[in-house]
Amino acid sequence: MTVPGEDRGPESATPGGRLPWRPWQIVRFTAGYLSHGLGDLVFITMTIPLAALLALLPRYRYRLVRAIVSRYLVLMFQRVLTALGVYRIVEVSGLDRAQGEAPVVFVANHRGRLDGPLLLSYLQGTGVVVKSRYARRGTLAVLAWVFDFIPIDSQSLDSLAAMAAEVRRLIERGTNLLIFPEGSRSVSGRLLPFRNAAFRLAVEEGRPVVPVIVHSTAPFMSKSLASFYPREPLRFRIRFLPPQWPATGEKAEDMASRVHRLMARELRDLDRGTVWASRQGLRP
């Protein structure tokens, strides 16, 4: 979908320079962070006692907590933060087409900390491969339970083997899977090399990979501290590209390269006219 009234002009007025600070922008982002922090606190305070009260009814407890989590993600990342003007979501396209091929392996680019929760607000019933240290933090600990988070420690062979077994179990159960194949946030915005795990799974299980583009018009919550208070207006686009099925005899690394090229082209097109272009030396 494309939001009515979307500004279709250039994404940033000065792709080669910096816009001036505006006090209202600082207030707006600060309000967004405070709202997010308060929302997480209320969410945890309400959810954990409720889950404990329903300990004798595990099936209903899981369903209830899952429903609460799903609604919280939609409320916070699609409603509250947009109402505060932290960012606008101007496009979400291709999701229906992707869901028609379930179970699928969603592979998304990764530029900022918002990528995961924003995507999960649209993807219900999806497992997520996440770094072990993140799966034990506050709200993420609850999300890990409800969304079938699969912790991974890339330095541990036992962890990699356990991850592989768990993702196969989810796929066989008909559950979609979300993986960020770059493994880390890209500072420049250029798509980092892909790890092969998602594509090996697709090849071995005979399931499609759905490339997902999460694009913001400026860096937001990236590895740069300045990105937590960006000067440029933030507009997000989420594009679910056509499902990519493994070709007969195709190796995981070849499929990873093919999907990488597809996503890199899409990102380059979206980056033109934004501050990402100046970082990457793209021509207008």
Foldseek 3Di string as FASTA:
>chain_A
DFDPPDDPDFQFPCLQDADDDDVLLVVLLVVLVVVVVVLLVVLLVPLPVQLVVCVVPNVVNLVVNLVSVLVSLCCNQVNDSVVSQNAAAGADDDPVLVVVQFQAEEEEAAAAPVVVSNVSNVFRQEEEEDAQVQCPDRPNVSVCVNNVYQHADVVDPVSVVVSLVSVVVCRVVRGHYYYHQQRAHDHLLQGHQGDLSRLQCLVVVQGWYWYKYWDWLDRARGPDPCNSRGRGHIYIYIYTDRTDTADVPDDSNNVSVVVSVVRRVVSLVVNPSGNSCNSVVHDD
